[in-house]
Amino acid sequence: MSMDAAEFVSHRFSTREFPERMRVPLWREDFGRGIVHADIEPLSNAPFQAYATLQAIRGLRRLALKGSPMRFKRLQASIADGDDSIGVILCSPGKSQLSQRCQEIELHASDAIAILHSEPATVTYVDGLLFGLAVPRDALAQRVTNVESRAMRPISHRSEALRLLMAYLKSAFTESVLATPKLRDAVVAHIHDLLALAIGECAPLGESSASAVVTARRGAALDYIETHFQEPGLSVEMVARCQGISPRYLQRLMASSGSSFTGHMNELRLQRALKLLTESSASARLISDIALEVGFSDVSHFNRLFRARFGDSPRGVRCARRIPADPSAPDWRVRVTVAQ
């Protein structure tokens, strides 16, 4: 697939709908030779299965693959396509083996490694989810000195830059974001920056003011809050400690998202409470129990916040659900939004 595609392109490939006898030939031809420009060799006698998603925009390709053990060989004939991208491969939670420049490396536990698409290479996928990124060489050469020398150097999953990159990809690399040219360009630039930091063996990032680091840290913090908001003791200090940053820096990150830490956490809690109050299965539950479940330790405080947010008390919302809906009544089903 061309790296020059200006629009966001997403493809999904699966062997499930094909008869077993056709899976390997089709996978080799359509996905191997047609998409990744590599020869594919199955490594198991078990029925072959494979599923992959490939997403591409100008300056970036992203691949996720899961299936039977297989070996990808990008040989001399394959590199005639002129692709000079630098790829980064990660396998989670399984393992994979890579060979290039007379070196053989085995990756475990979400470690990553950079390879050169312009040189022959072999990637042996064993199990887990194989994840890969490919960016033009020039994009990284502007950010990393002698970038080719970074090939075949394992990047530990403990690397702060790698963790931020993976967290950023999860939240930013979506069709809704990449469909907008301005956002798309910003996302690609941030990924290039974070990838350069990951393969460049940079110093600890600390509380950097670099745009890519700030955006990635903010996304990681928001993800953490959205996972743990129901914990009554969740605090700025706790989240900052888990993210390896100071509470003051975290507060600045939250402000840049358009909300405070407390405001965002309470919004998540209130939206969860609203959902529980309007579910038929929760009709017999005490409102105080719901308040405690979503993270509020003070029921009176919960009632005040709920009324201020939705214009009615928790009891009123529950009662309104039990009677026919009034088209003129306010719609409480408000989605959480965070400024980009």
C-alpha atoms as a PDB file:
ATOM      1  CA  MET A   1       0.000   0.000   0.000  1.00  0.00           C
ATOM      2  CA  SER A   2       1.348   3.397  -0.946  1.00  0.00           C
ATOM      3  CA  MET A   3       2.621   5.654   1.814  1.00  0.00           C
ATOM      4  CA  ASP A   4       1.439   8.609  -0.271  1.00  0.00           C
ATOM      5  CA  ALA A   5      -2.250   7.999   0.324  1.00  0.00           C
ATOM      6  CA  ALA A   6      -3.625  11.298   1.573  1.00  0.00           C
ATOM      7  CA  GLU A   7      -6.795   9.890   3.117  1.00  0.00           C
ATOM      8  CA  PHE A   8      -7.215   7.497   5.966  1.00  0.00           C
ATOM      9  CA  VAL A   9      -7.492   3.941   4.619  1.00  0.00           C
ATOM     10  CA  SER A  10      -8.443   0.916   6.690  1.00  0.00           C
ATOM     11  CA  HIS A  11      -8.462  -2.711   5.557  1.00  0.00           C
ATOM     12  CA  ARG A  12      -9.368  -5.884   7.407  1.00  0.00           C
ATOM     13  CA  PHE A  13      -8.236  -9.321   6.311  1.00  0.00           C
ATOM     14  CA  SER A  14      -9.502 -12.625   7.652  1.00  0.00           C
ATOM     15  CA  THR A  15      -9.230 -16.263   6.612  1.00  0.00           C
ATOM     16  CA  ARG A  16     -12.415 -17.263   8.461  1.00  0.00           C
ATOM     17  CA  GLU A  17     -14.761 -17.041   5.509  1.00  0.00           C
ATOM     18  CA  PHE A  18     -12.557 -19.164   3.236  1.00  0.00           C
ATOM     19  CA  PRO A  19     -12.357 -22.951   3.007  1.00  0.00           C
ATOM     20  CA  GLU A  20      -9.314 -24.344   4.777  1.00  0.00           C
ATOM     21  CA  ARG A  21      -7.595 -25.418   1.549  1.00  0.00           C
ATOM     22  CA  MET A  22      -7.767 -21.844   0.185  1.00  0.00           C
ATOM     23  CA  ARG A  23      -6.599 -19.954   3.273  1.00  0.00           C
ATOM     24  CA  VAL A  24      -2.839 -20.183   2.866  1.00  0.00           C
ATOM     25  CA  PRO A  25      -2.751 -19.420  -0.887  1.00  0.00           C
ATOM     26  CA  LEU A  26      -5.076 -16.433  -0.478  1.00  0.00           C
ATOM     27  CA  TRP A  27      -3.221 -15.140   2.564  1.00  0.00           C
ATOM     28  CA  ARG A  28       0.108 -15.399   0.765  1.00  0.00           C
ATOM     29  CA  GLU A  29      -1.131 -13.677  -2.350  1.00  0.00           C
ATOM     30  CA  ASP A  30      -3.577 -11.048  -1.124  1.00  0.00           C
ATOM     31  CA  PHE A  31      -1.984 -10.090   2.171  1.00  0.00           C
ATOM     32  CA  GLY A  32       1.625 -11.206   1.794  1.00  0.00           C
ATOM     33  CA  ARG A  33       2.532 -10.191  -1.734  1.00  0.00           C
ATOM     34  CA  GLY A  34      -0.208  -7.619  -2.264  1.00  0.00           C
ATOM     35  CA  ILE A  35      -0.062  -5.700   1.014  1.00  0.00           C
ATOM     36  CA  VAL A  36       3.083  -6.241   3.092  1.00  0.00           C
ATOM     37  CA  HIS A  37       5.275  -7.282   0.136  1.00  0.00           C
ATOM     38  CA  ALA A  38       6.661 -10.380   1.831  1.00  0.00           C
ATOM     39  CA  ASP A  39       6.589 -14.136   1.352  1.00  0.00           C
ATOM     40  CA  ILE A  40       4.603 -15.908   4.090  1.00  0.00           C
ATOM     41  CA  GLU A  41       5.330 -19.427   5.326  1.00  0.00           C
ATOM     42  CA  PRO A  42       2.968 -21.203   7.778  1.00  0.00           C
ATOM     43  CA  LEU A  43       4.826 -22.880  10.667  1.00  0.00           C
ATOM     44  CA  SER A  44       2.165 -25.275  11.905  1.00  0.00           C
ATOM     45  CA  ASN A  45       0.265 -28.247  10.522  1.00  0.00           C
ATOM     46  CA  ALA A  46      -2.895 -27.125  12.302  1.00  0.00           C
ATOM     47  CA  PRO A  47      -5.637 -25.474  10.229  1.00  0.00           C
ATOM     48  CA  PHE A  48      -4.329 -22.052   9.241  1.00  0.00           C
ATOM     49  CA  GLN A  49      -6.003 -18.958  10.674  1.00  0.00           C
ATOM     50  CA  ALA A  50      -5.097 -15.298  10.413  1.00  0.00           C
ATOM     51  CA  TYR A  51      -6.738 -11.973  11.069  1.00  0.00           C
ATOM     52  CA  ALA A  52      -5.172  -8.582  10.419  1.00  0.00           C
ATOM     53  CA  THR A  53      -6.087  -4.919  10.250  1.00  0.00           C
ATOM     54  CA  LEU A  54      -4.030  -2.436   8.276  1.00  0.00           C
ATOM     55  CA  GLN A  55      -4.548   1.303   8.540  1.00  0.00           C
ATOM     56  CA  ALA A  56      -2.657   3.850   6.458  1.00  0.00           C
ATOM     57  CA  ILE A  57      -2.436   7.589   6.052  1.00  0.00           C
ATOM     58  CA  ARG A  58       0.250   9.808   4.599  1.00  0.00           C
ATOM     59  CA  GLY A  59       3.387   9.220   6.634  1.00  0.00           C
ATOM     60  CA  LEU A  60       2.209   6.238   8.642  1.00  0.00           C
ATOM     61  CA  ARG A  61       1.076   2.624   8.405  1.00  0.00           C
ATOM     62  CA  ARG A  62      -0.264   0.595  11.313  1.00  0.00           C
ATOM     63  CA  LEU A  63      -0.661  -3.203  11.354  1.00  0.00           C
ATOM     64  CA  ALA A  64      -2.196  -5.553  13.909  1.00  0.00           C
ATOM     65  CA  LEU A  65      -2.115  -9.308  13.270  1.00  0.00           C
ATOM     66  CA  LYS A  66      -3.158 -12.425  15.140  1.00  0.00           C
ATOM     67  CA  GLY A  67      -3.326 -16.034  14.013  1.00  0.00           C
ATOM     68  CA  SER A  68      -1.374 -19.216  13.436  1.00  0.00           C
ATOM     69  CA  PRO A  69       2.436 -19.214  13.674  1.00  0.00           C
ATOM     70  CA  MET A  70       3.963 -17.919  10.436  1.00  0.00           C
ATOM     71  CA  ARG A  71       7.164 -16.495   9.011  1.00  0.00           C
ATOM     72  CA  PHE A  72       7.396 -13.331   6.915  1.00  0.00           C
ATOM     73  CA  LYS A  73      10.355 -13.052   4.581  1.00  0.00           C
ATOM     74  CA  ARG A  74      11.097  -9.767   2.898  1.00  0.00           C
ATOM     75  CA  LEU A  75      13.832 -10.842   0.518  1.00  0.00           C
ATOM     76  CA  GLN A  76      15.809  -9.061  -2.163  1.00  0.00           C
ATOM     77  CA  ALA A  77      12.988  -9.369  -4.691  1.00  0.00           C
ATOM     78  CA  SER A  78      10.530  -7.882  -2.205  1.00  0.00           C
ATOM     79  CA  ILE A  79      12.556  -4.738  -1.467  1.00  0.00           C
ATOM     80  CA  ALA A  80      12.431  -3.759  -5.117  1.00  0.00           C
ATOM     81  CA  ASP A  81       9.200  -1.924  -4.221  1.00  0.00           C
ATOM     82  CA  GLY A  82      11.366   1.002  -3.085  1.00  0.00           C
ATOM     83  CA  ASP A  83       9.827   1.203   0.373  1.00  0.00           C
ATOM     84  CA  ASP A  84      12.448   2.870   2.591  1.00  0.00           C
ATOM     85  CA  SER A  85      10.215   2.957   5.695  1.00  0.00           C
ATOM     86  CA  ILE A  86      11.488   2.188   9.150  1.00  0.00           C
ATOM     87  CA  GLY A  87       9.266  -0.271  10.929  1.00  0.00           C
ATOM     88  CA  VAL A  88       8.797  -0.949  14.612  1.00  0.00           C
ATOM     89  CA  ILE A  89       7.461  -4.357  15.625  1.00  0.00           C
ATOM     90  CA  LEU A  90       5.998  -5.354  18.975  1.00  0.00           C
ATOM     91  CA  CYS A  91       4.384  -8.627  20.044  1.00  0.00           C
ATOM     92  CA  SER A  92       2.039  -8.677  23.028  1.00  0.00           C
ATOM     93  CA  PRO A  93       1.732 -10.777  25.088  1.00  0.00           C
ATOM     94  CA  GLY A  94       3.413 -13.468  23.013  1.00  0.00           C
ATOM     95  CA  LYS A  95       6.760 -13.574  21.296  1.00  0.00           C
ATOM     96  CA  SER A  96       8.366 -13.173  17.898  1.00  0.00           C
ATOM     97  CA  GLN A  97      11.784 -13.544  16.301  1.00  0.00           C
ATOM     98  CA  LEU A  98      13.460 -11.153  13.893  1.00  0.00           C
ATOM     99  CA  SER A  99      16.466 -11.459  11.650  1.00  0.00           C
ATOM    100  CA  GLN A 100      18.200  -8.632   9.793  1.00  0.00           C
ATOM    101  CA  ARG A 101      21.792  -7.473   9.201  1.00  0.00           C
ATOM    102  CA  CYS A 102      23.126 -10.870  10.330  1.00  0.00           C
ATOM    103  CA  GLN A 103      21.474 -10.466  13.723  1.00  0.00           C
ATOM    104  CA  GLU A 104      18.750 -12.580  15.275  1.00  0.00           C
ATOM    105  CA  ILE A 105      16.624 -11.163  18.081  1.00  0.00           C
ATOM    106  CA  GLU A 106      13.791 -12.771  20.042  1.00  0.00           C
ATOM    107  CA  LEU A 107      11.201 -10.400  21.497  1.00  0.00           C
ATOM    108  CA  HIS A 108       9.190 -11.112  24.624  1.00  0.00           C
ATOM    109  CA  ALA A 109       6.657  -9.358  26.842  1.00  0.00           C
ATOM    110  CA  SER A 110       5.805  -6.365  24.676  1.00  0.00           C
ATOM    111  CA  ASP A 111       9.378  -5.342  23.910  1.00  0.00           C
ATOM    112  CA  ALA A 112       9.779  -3.696  20.501  1.00  0.00           C
ATOM    113  CA  ILE A 113      12.428  -3.440  17.801  1.00  0.00           C
ATOM    114  CA  ALA A 114      13.068  -1.310  14.724  1.00  0.00           C
ATOM    115  CA  ILE A 115      13.769  -2.830  11.304  1.00  0.00           C
ATOM    116  CA  LEU A 116      14.594  -1.381   7.884  1.00  0.00           C
ATOM    117  CA  HIS A 117      12.132  -2.078   5.078  1.00  0.00           C
ATOM    118  CA  SER A 118      14.857  -1.287   2.544  1.00  0.00           C
ATOM    119  CA  GLU A 119      16.929  -4.330   3.572  1.00  0.00           C
ATOM    120  CA  PRO A 120      16.098  -8.051   3.640  1.00  0.00           C
ATOM    121  CA  ALA A 121      14.505  -9.200   6.890  1.00  0.00           C
ATOM    122  CA  THR A 122      12.691 -12.165   8.399  1.00  0.00           C
ATOM    123  CA  VAL A 123       9.980 -11.899  11.047  1.00  0.00           C
ATOM    124  CA  THR A 124       8.783 -15.092  12.731  1.00  0.00           C
ATOM    125  CA  TYR A 125       5.439 -14.657  14.462  1.00  0.00           C
ATOM    126  CA  VAL A 126       4.752 -17.281  17.143  1.00  0.00           C
ATOM    127  CA  ASP A 127       1.704 -16.148  19.105  1.00  0.00           C
ATOM    128  CA  GLY A 128      -0.013 -13.178  20.715  1.00  0.00           C
ATOM    129  CA  LEU A 129      -0.832  -9.948  18.924  1.00  0.00           C
ATOM    130  CA  LEU A 130       1.802  -8.763  16.457  1.00  0.00           C
ATOM    131  CA  PHE A 131       1.735  -5.003  16.169  1.00  0.00           C
ATOM    132  CA  GLY A 132       3.714  -2.947  13.679  1.00  0.00           C
ATOM    133  CA  LEU A 133       4.234   0.672  12.668  1.00  0.00           C
ATOM    134  CA  ALA A 134       5.964   1.911   9.538  1.00  0.00           C
ATOM    135  CA  VAL A 135       6.993   5.520   8.909  1.00  0.00           C
ATOM    136  CA  PRO A 136       9.082   7.066   6.118  1.00  0.00           C
ATOM    137  CA  ARG A 137      12.806   7.050   6.810  1.00  0.00           C
ATOM    138  CA  ASP A 138      13.054  10.822   6.244  1.00  0.00           C
ATOM    139  CA  ALA A 139      10.544  11.526   9.006  1.00  0.00           C
ATOM    140  CA  LEU A 140      12.736   9.791  11.585  1.00  0.00           C
ATOM    141  CA  ALA A 141      16.053  10.906  10.075  1.00  0.00           C
ATOM    142  CA  GLN A 142      15.021  14.486  10.904  1.00  0.00           C
ATOM    143  CA  ARG A 143      14.569  13.483  14.539  1.00  0.00           C
ATOM    144  CA  VAL A 144      17.186  10.777  15.192  1.00  0.00           C
ATOM    145  CA  THR A 145      20.878  11.002  14.312  1.00  0.00           C
ATOM    146  CA  ASN A 146      22.045   8.098  12.122  1.00  0.00           C
ATOM    147  CA  VAL A 147      18.653   6.468  12.375  1.00  0.00           C
ATOM    148  CA  GLU A 148      19.701   3.323  10.433  1.00  0.00           C
ATOM    149  CA  SER A 149      22.052   2.395  13.272  1.00  0.00           C
ATOM    150  CA  ARG A 150      19.044   2.014  15.557  1.00  0.00           C
ATOM    151  CA  ALA A 151      17.775  -0.998  13.632  1.00  0.00           C
ATOM    152  CA  MET A 152      17.755  -4.332  15.452  1.00  0.00           C
ATOM    153  CA  ARG A 153      18.139  -2.762  18.879  1.00  0.00           C
ATOM    154  CA  PRO A 154      15.456  -4.072  21.267  1.00  0.00           C
ATOM    155  CA  ILE A 155      13.338  -1.417  22.975  1.00  0.00           C
ATOM    156  CA  SER A 156      12.244  -2.498  26.458  1.00  0.00           C
ATOM    157  CA  HIS A 157       8.542  -2.448  27.260  1.00  0.00           C
ATOM    158  CA  ARG A 158       9.610  -0.462  30.322  1.00  0.00           C
ATOM    159  CA  SER A 159      10.729   2.394  28.063  1.00  0.00           C
ATOM    160  CA  GLU A 160       8.706   5.468  28.981  1.00  0.00           C
ATOM    161  CA  ALA A 161       8.638   6.719  25.401  1.00  0.00           C
ATOM    162  CA  LEU A 162       7.370   3.341  24.109  1.00  0.00           C
ATOM    163  CA  ARG A 163       4.638   3.197  26.744  1.00  0.00           C
ATOM    164  CA  LEU A 164       3.505   6.723  25.901  1.00  0.00           C
ATOM    165  CA  LEU A 165       3.530   5.892  22.187  1.00  0.00           C
ATOM    166  CA  MET A 166       1.332   2.823  22.669  1.00  0.00           C
ATOM    167  CA  ALA A 167      -1.078   4.710  24.938  1.00  0.00           C
ATOM    168  CA  TYR A 168      -1.280   7.548  22.421  1.00  0.00           C
ATOM    169  CA  LEU A 169      -1.986   5.184  19.532  1.00  0.00           C
ATOM    170  CA  LYS A 170      -4.872   3.640  21.439  1.00  0.00           C
ATOM    171  CA  SER A 171      -6.640   6.969  21.946  1.00  0.00           C
ATOM    172  CA  ALA A 172      -5.613   9.005  18.891  1.00  0.00           C
ATOM    173  CA  PHE A 173      -5.404   6.582  15.980  1.00  0.00           C
ATOM    174  CA  THR A 174      -9.143   6.378  15.294  1.00  0.00           C
ATOM    175  CA  GLU A 175     -11.206   6.996  12.194  1.00  0.00           C
ATOM    176  CA  SER A 176     -13.047   9.922  13.820  1.00  0.00           C
ATOM    177  CA  VAL A 177      -9.757  11.742  14.469  1.00  0.00           C
ATOM    178  CA  LEU A 178      -7.945  10.788  11.292  1.00  0.00           C
ATOM    179  CA  ALA A 179     -10.837  11.811   9.046  1.00  0.00           C
ATOM    180  CA  THR A 180     -10.061  15.471   9.789  1.00  0.00           C
ATOM    181  CA  PRO A 181      -6.977  16.728   7.896  1.00  0.00           C
ATOM    182  CA  LYS A 182      -5.801  19.102  10.641  1.00  0.00           C
ATOM    183  CA  LEU A 183      -6.101  16.518  13.394  1.00  0.00           C
ATOM    184  CA  ARG A 184      -4.644  13.841  11.140  1.00  0.00           C
ATOM    185  CA  ASP A 185      -1.496  15.854  10.498  1.00  0.00           C
ATOM    186  CA  ALA A 186      -1.077  16.574  14.215  1.00  0.00           C
ATOM    187  CA  VAL A 187      -1.499  12.901  15.130  1.00  0.00           C
ATOM    188  CA  VAL A 188       1.071  11.768  12.554  1.00  0.00           C
ATOM    189  CA  ALA A 189       3.584  14.392  13.744  1.00  0.00           C
ATOM    190  CA  HIS A 190       3.098  13.319  17.365  1.00  0.00           C
ATOM    191  CA  ILE A 191       3.586   9.656  16.468  1.00  0.00           C
ATOM    192  CA  HIS A 192       6.768  10.480  14.560  1.00  0.00           C
ATOM    193  CA  ASP A 193       8.064  12.384  17.598  1.00  0.00           C
ATOM    194  CA  LEU A 194       7.205   9.640  20.082  1.00  0.00           C
ATOM    195  CA  LEU A 195       8.601   6.922  17.839  1.00  0.00           C
ATOM    196  CA  ALA A 196      11.846   8.871  17.461  1.00  0.00           C
ATOM    197  CA  LEU A 197      12.084   9.160  21.247  1.00  0.00           C
ATOM    198  CA  ALA A 198      11.466   5.417  21.621  1.00  0.00           C
ATOM    199  CA  ILE A 199      14.121   4.248  19.145  1.00  0.00           C
ATOM    200  CA  GLY A 200      16.569   7.053  19.894  1.00  0.00           C
ATOM    201  CA  GLU A 201      17.380   5.928  23.448  1.00  0.00           C
ATOM    202  CA  CYS A 202      16.585   9.376  24.790  1.00  0.00           C
ATOM    203  CA  ALA A 203      17.017  10.581  28.349  1.00  0.00           C
ATOM    204  CA  PRO A 204      14.013  10.275  30.710  1.00  0.00           C
ATOM    205  CA  LEU A 205      11.203  12.426  29.379  1.00  0.00           C
ATOM    206  CA  GLY A 206      10.257  13.965  32.705  1.00  0.00           C
ATOM    207  CA  GLU A 207       7.632  16.696  32.580  1.00  0.00           C
ATOM    208  CA  SER A 208       8.473  17.725  29.066  1.00  0.00           C
ATOM    209  CA  SER A 209       6.611  20.568  27.395  1.00  0.00           C
ATOM    210  CA  ALA A 210       7.041  18.965  23.948  1.00  0.00           C
ATOM    211  CA  SER A 211       3.667  18.789  22.220  1.00  0.00           C
ATOM    212  CA  ALA A 212       3.839  15.053  21.517  1.00  0.00           C
ATOM    213  CA  VAL A 213       4.816  14.210  25.106  1.00  0.00           C
ATOM    214  CA  VAL A 214       2.151  16.481  26.609  1.00  0.00           C
ATOM    215  CA  THR A 215      -0.549  14.992  24.366  1.00  0.00           C
ATOM    216  CA  ALA A 216       0.529  11.417  25.061  1.00  0.00           C
ATOM    217  CA  ARG A 217       0.793  11.971  28.811  1.00  0.00           C
ATOM    218  CA  ARG A 218      -2.630  13.610  28.884  1.00  0.00           C
ATOM    219  CA  GLY A 219      -4.136  10.671  26.998  1.00  0.00           C
ATOM    220  CA  ALA A 220      -2.490   8.168  29.346  1.00  0.00           C
ATOM    221  CA  ALA A 221      -3.753  10.067  32.404  1.00  0.00           C
ATOM    222  CA  LEU A 222      -7.300  10.255  31.024  1.00  0.00           C
ATOM    223  CA  ASP A 223      -7.240   6.529  30.249  1.00  0.00           C
ATOM    224  CA  TYR A 224      -6.126   5.799  33.817  1.00  0.00           C
ATOM    225  CA  ILE A 225      -8.877   7.971  35.295  1.00  0.00           C
ATOM    226  CA  GLU A 226     -11.516   6.345  33.078  1.00  0.00           C
ATOM    227  CA  THR A 227     -10.386   2.922  34.303  1.00  0.00           C
ATOM    228  CA  HIS A 228     -10.244   3.801  38.011  1.00  0.00           C
ATOM    229  CA  PHE A 229     -12.839   6.565  38.499  1.00  0.00           C
ATOM    230  CA  GLN A 230     -15.074   4.308  40.640  1.00  0.00           C
ATOM    231  CA  GLU A 231     -12.396   4.018  43.334  1.00  0.00           C
ATOM    232  CA  PRO A 232     -13.475   6.305  46.216  1.00  0.00           C
ATOM    233  CA  GLY A 233      -9.916   7.298  47.106  1.00  0.00           C
ATOM    234  CA  LEU A 234      -8.828   8.282  43.599  1.00  0.00           C
ATOM    235  CA  SER A 235      -6.898  11.546  43.801  1.00  0.00           C
ATOM    236  CA  VAL A 236      -4.610  13.790  41.805  1.00  0.00           C
ATOM    237  CA  GLU A 237      -1.689  12.545  43.864  1.00  0.00           C
ATOM    238  CA  MET A 238      -2.494   8.886  43.217  1.00  0.00           C
ATOM    239  CA  VAL A 239      -2.891   9.284  39.455  1.00  0.00           C
ATOM    240  CA  ALA A 240       0.237  11.447  39.191  1.00  0.00           C
ATOM    241  CA  ARG A 241       2.275   8.867  41.081  1.00  0.00           C
ATOM    242  CA  CYS A 242       1.079   6.050  38.804  1.00  0.00           C
ATOM    243  CA  GLN A 243       1.945   8.149  35.731  1.00  0.00           C
ATOM    244  CA  GLY A 244       5.379   9.124  37.067  1.00  0.00           C
ATOM    245  CA  ILE A 245       4.645  12.861  37.082  1.00  0.00           C
ATOM    246  CA  SER A 246       3.959  15.530  39.685  1.00  0.00           C
ATOM    247  CA  PRO A 247       0.422  16.481  40.800  1.00  0.00           C
ATOM    248  CA  ARG A 248       0.980  20.035  39.523  1.00  0.00           C
ATOM    249  CA  TYR A 249       1.971  18.750  36.065  1.00  0.00           C
ATOM    250  CA  LEU A 250      -1.071  16.456  36.007  1.00  0.00           C
ATOM    251  CA  GLN A 251      -3.338  19.386  36.861  1.00  0.00           C
ATOM    252  CA  ARG A 252      -1.857  21.330  33.937  1.00  0.00           C
ATOM    253  CA  LEU A 253      -2.480  18.365  31.643  1.00  0.00           C
ATOM    254  CA  MET A 254      -6.095  18.151  32.779  1.00  0.00           C
ATOM    255  CA  ALA A 255      -6.601  21.889  32.293  1.00  0.00           C
ATOM    256  CA  SER A 256      -5.330  21.547  28.721  1.00  0.00           C
ATOM    257  CA  SER A 257      -8.058  18.947  28.108  1.00  0.00           C
ATOM    258  CA  GLY A 258     -10.737  21.469  28.998  1.00  0.00           C
ATOM    259  CA  SER A 259     -11.563  20.124  32.459  1.00  0.00           C
ATOM    260  CA  SER A 260     -10.124  19.826  35.926  1.00  0.00           C
ATOM    261  CA  PHE A 261      -9.194  16.488  37.473  1.00  0.00           C
ATOM    262  CA  THR A 262     -12.164  16.633  39.853  1.00  0.00           C
ATOM    263  CA  GLY A 263     -14.540  17.805  37.148  1.00  0.00           C
ATOM    264  CA  HIS A 264     -13.600  14.999  34.772  1.00  0.00           C
ATOM    265  CA  MET A 265     -13.719  12.322  37.473  1.00  0.00           C
ATOM    266  CA  ASN A 266     -17.113  13.507  38.733  1.00  0.00           C
ATOM    267  CA  GLU A 267     -18.495  13.587  35.181  1.00  0.00           C
ATOM    268  CA  LEU A 268     -17.518   9.956  34.683  1.00  0.00           C
ATOM    269  CA  ARG A 269     -19.053   9.003  38.022  1.00  0.00           C
ATOM    270  CA  LEU A 270     -22.284  10.886  37.333  1.00  0.00           C
ATOM    271  CA  GLN A 271     -22.672   9.374  33.865  1.00  0.00           C
ATOM    272  CA  ARG A 272     -22.193   5.915  35.351  1.00  0.00           C
ATOM    273  CA  ALA A 273     -24.733   6.653  38.085  1.00  0.00           C
ATOM    274  CA  LEU A 274     -27.241   7.886  35.485  1.00  0.00           C
ATOM    275  CA  LYS A 275     -26.821   4.658  33.542  1.00  0.00           C
ATOM    276  CA  LEU A 276     -27.370   2.544  36.657  1.00  0.00           C
ATOM    277  CA  LEU A 277     -30.421   4.559  37.725  1.00  0.00           C
ATOM    278  CA  THR A 278     -32.125   4.116  34.361  1.00  0.00           C
ATOM    279  CA  GLU A 279     -31.417   0.391  33.987  1.00  0.00           C
ATOM    280  CA  SER A 280     -34.410  -1.802  34.728  1.00  0.00           C
ATOM    281  CA  SER A 281     -32.195  -4.304  36.541  1.00  0.00           C
ATOM    282  CA  ALA A 282     -31.177  -1.623  39.077  1.00  0.00           C
ATOM    283  CA  SER A 283     -34.704  -0.491  40.012  1.00  0.00           C
ATOM    284  CA  ALA A 284     -34.584  -2.185  43.426  1.00  0.00           C
ATOM    285  CA  ARG A 285     -31.173  -0.845  44.403  1.00  0.00           C
ATOM    286  CA  LEU A 286     -30.775   1.905  46.959  1.00  0.00           C
ATOM    287  CA  ILE A 287     -29.606   5.217  45.535  1.00  0.00           C
ATOM    288  CA  SER A 288     -27.001   5.375  48.280  1.00  0.00           C
ATOM    289  CA  ASP A 289     -25.573   2.052  47.095  1.00  0.00           C
ATOM    290  CA  ILE A 290     -25.325   3.344  43.533  1.00  0.00           C
ATOM    291  CA  ALA A 291     -23.581   6.492  44.752  1.00  0.00           C
ATOM    292  CA  LEU A 292     -21.018   4.401  46.616  1.00  0.00           C
ATOM    293  CA  GLU A 293     -20.514   2.071  43.656  1.00  0.00           C
ATOM    294  CA  VAL A 294     -19.598   4.894  41.283  1.00  0.00           C
ATOM    295  CA  GLY A 295     -17.097   6.368  43.739  1.00  0.00           C
ATOM    296  CA  PHE A 296     -18.968   8.911  45.882  1.00  0.00           C
ATOM    297  CA  SER A 297     -18.462   8.411  49.609  1.00  0.00           C
ATOM    298  CA  ASP A 298     -20.848  11.252  50.549  1.00  0.00           C
ATOM    299  CA  VAL A 299     -24.402  10.625  49.347  1.00  0.00           C
ATOM    300  CA  SER A 300     -25.538  14.213  49.985  1.00  0.00           C
ATOM    301  CA  HIS A 301     -22.663  15.493  47.863  1.00  0.00           C
ATOM    302  CA  PHE A 302     -23.630  13.018  45.145  1.00  0.00           C
ATOM    303  CA  ASN A 303     -27.259  14.221  45.182  1.00  0.00           C
ATOM    304  CA  ARG A 304     -26.211  17.859  44.847  1.00  0.00           C
ATOM    305  CA  LEU A 305     -23.833  17.182  41.974  1.00  0.00           C
ATOM    306  CA  PHE A 306     -26.380  14.965  40.215  1.00  0.00           C
ATOM    307  CA  ARG A 307     -29.117  17.602  40.362  1.00  0.00           C
ATOM    308  CA  ALA A 308     -26.731  20.320  39.166  1.00  0.00           C
ATOM    309  CA  ARG A 309     -25.611  18.130  36.240  1.00  0.00           C
ATOM    310  CA  PHE A 310     -28.927  16.657  35.074  1.00  0.00           C
ATOM    311  CA  GLY A 311     -31.544  19.094  36.408  1.00  0.00           C
ATOM    312  CA  ASP A 312     -33.276  16.541  38.616  1.00  0.00           C
ATOM    313  CA  SER A 313     -32.540  14.387  41.639  1.00  0.00           C
ATOM    314  CA  PRO A 314     -31.468  10.740  41.311  1.00  0.00           C
ATOM    315  CA  ARG A 315     -34.890   9.731  42.650  1.00  0.00           C
ATOM    316  CA  GLY A 316     -36.641  11.967  40.138  1.00  0.00           C
ATOM    317  CA  VAL A 317     -34.703  10.475  37.235  1.00  0.00           C
ATOM    318  CA  ARG A 318     -35.530   6.972  38.411  1.00  0.00           C
ATOM    319  CA  CYS A 319     -39.241   7.785  38.712  1.00  0.00           C
ATOM    320  CA  ALA A 320     -39.277   9.426  35.277  1.00  0.00           C
ATOM    321  CA  ARG A 321     -37.990   6.199  33.758  1.00  0.00           C
ATOM    322  CA  ARG A 322     -41.001   4.297  35.112  1.00  0.00           C
ATOM    323  CA  ILE A 323     -43.576   6.450  33.272  1.00  0.00           C
ATOM    324  CA  PRO A 324     -44.068   6.986  29.506  1.00  0.00           C
ATOM    325  CA  ALA A 325     -41.447   9.317  28.080  1.00  0.00           C
ATOM    326  CA  ASP A 326     -42.397  12.962  27.543  1.00  0.00           C
ATOM    327  CA  PRO A 327     -40.885  14.205  24.243  1.00  0.00           C
ATOM    328  CA  SER A 328     -40.458  17.676  25.748  1.00  0.00           C
ATOM    329  CA  ALA A 329     -38.565  16.381  28.808  1.00  0.00           C
ATOM    330  CA  PRO A 330     -34.796  16.893  29.003  1.00  0.00           C
ATOM    331  CA  ASP A 331     -32.640  14.096  27.664  1.00  0.00           C
ATOM    332  CA  TRP A 332     -30.236  12.989  30.401  1.00  0.00           C
ATOM    333  CA  ARG A 333     -28.265  10.695  28.108  1.00  0.00           C
ATOM    334  CA  VAL A 334     -25.308  13.011  27.717  1.00  0.00           C
ATOM    335  CA  ARG A 335     -22.037  11.613  26.554  1.00  0.00           C
ATOM    336  CA  VAL A 336     -18.742  12.514  28.199  1.00  0.00           C
ATOM    337  CA  THR A 337     -16.653  14.752  25.941  1.00  0.00           C
ATOM    338  CA  VAL A 338     -13.086  15.916  26.473  1.00  0.00           C
ATOM    339  CA  ALA A 339     -11.528  18.732  24.502  1.00  0.00           C
ATOM    340  CA  GLN A 340      -8.789  17.622  22.161  1.00  0.00           C
END
